[in-house]
Amino acid sequence: MARASISSKPYLDWRVIVAFAALIAVGLYLLMSAMIVRVGFPLDDTWIHLTYARNFAEHGEWAFRLGEQSAGSTSPLWTLLLSIGYVLHLAPYAWTFFLGWLMLTLLAIFAEASARKLQTGYQPRIPWVGIFFTFAWHLTWAATSGMETLLHALLIFLVLTSLIRGSSRYAMLGLFAGLSVWVRPDGATLLGPILFTIAFNEKSWFSRGRSVISALIGFGVLFLLYLLFNLALSGNPMPNTFYAKQAEYQAGWLSQPLKDRLVDYLLPIFASPFIALFPGAVGWVGGAIRNRNWGALAGVIWFMGYILIYFLRLPPYQHGRYIIPAFPILYLWGLLGMVGFMQSAKLNLRMKLLWKTLVAALLVVFFTLGGLQNADDVFWVESEMVATAKWVNQNIPPAATLAVHDIGAMGYLVSNPLVDLAGLVDPEVIPFIRDETRLADYLNDRSVEYLIVPPGFYKELIENREIIFISGEASSSTNPNEHMLVLKWK
């Protein structure tokens, strides 16, 4: 009897390798943070999501303050996912970081799968594209931030790569676009590239009309529910943050010179290993357009429009976190172009080796710098927002009403009644959010007893007020305008 043939040598599935790489990347960032300060979150806004998630899981209320429903969570879907951690008793840290790792893993797996489908000659055992995504520092930082950034990036990536591959499942793409709105309102922009691709890919007016209806139904169902959700909570179709952030920052941002604003927006994009992938992105996008890949062109137009919308509205603060969801498609273009050049004879072996080495070196360098920056961000939040909240919890009477600018950690750790000066949970502040005279009257009307703010934001409000606490004594910041103050208002 003939012996069964011996199979080829087994090897690890590339998806497992990507998941492990993501685990290493997230683990290293958490380790660096723990060694420098402690494990924590680099943004105060994370605590806003966690406060809503805790109240929903433990009390069934969509509220920042129990008994006061509000639309202060920009990302209801992310907040809902975070709430599972409280049901499992793994919140606030373990479950949140698990979700970050999961989102990074899924994004990297889809990136690797897209590269294998779009560049047929790219079929390595080691998933280099996926590994690049796990160690691209903006994405790793987002995975440890506790924010919705990577979930939003994942949905955007799924829609745009599906269009590149010529998918005609427009109802599904519409659903993904509608779902992305539940993660962040700007997800509505994904409807644009879907409709653009339909217009050019479908060959008859009948098929165009049918495809448009399918996409609109898929998108409209979830979008309508989103509008109704916000209307029920606040009376407005969008979350409070949609209005508050623009009211707070737009005037000051637009008053800056155009050149400075351009530099501010280009810096997050090119302060990354993408600087070495830029030639590949130009080459691949150019080739896709020459080949009339309308889905790819739709993605390029979407990317420029997405960046432009934020450029006209908000500064790219916190490492450009509002535009980070657009980075993955940019990285994919660059990597696809690089793979294409590596498979062609346009570059000699020396140039190919130099390019690979440069990308790998920049990936490591920026990953390391990003990890240090993440630790510094955690240090800032812990020494300013969290430390202030803990001090207030121990030293201020629990019935005293507090007026607070950064409400995240304060809302999570303190039970006092709060007045939100940033308008996230108190939208009535938004019309006069930068008018300190009217704010003072508002605080008096709300019987505020203590004011908790960074002095640089409210120079008139803090004038002649008694300071009873200054945060950040151990902080690395030497700018006194960045330290949180607790002042007596009455």
Foldseek 3Di string as FASTA:
>chain_A
DDDDDDDDDDDDAQLVVLLVLLVVLLVVLQVLLCVVPRQDALDLVLLQLVQQLCCCLPPVANPLAPPAFAQLDQAQVLSVQCNVCVVVVNDDARSLLVVLSVLLSLLLVVLLVLLCVVPVVDDDRHSVSSSLSSLFLLSSSVSSNSALLSVLLSLLVVLLSCLLVPDLQLLVNLLSLLNSCNRHVVSVLSLQLSLQSLVPVDDDPVSSVVSNVSSCVSNVVSLVVQQVVNCVRPVGSHAQCVQLQQLQAQVVLVVDDPVVLVCQLVCLQCLTLCVLLVVLLVVQLVVCVVVVSSSSVSLVVSLVVQSVVCSNGHGCPPSNSSSVSSNSVSSSSSVSRLVVVVPDPPDDPVVNVVSVVSSVVRSVVSSVVSSVVRSLSRLLCCQAVQVVLVCCQVPPPLAAEEEEASCRNNSNRHNYHYHHLSCSGPVVNSVCSQPQVVVLVVCVVVRHFKYKYQCVRRVPQCPPWAWDDWTDPVHPDPDSSSIITITTSD
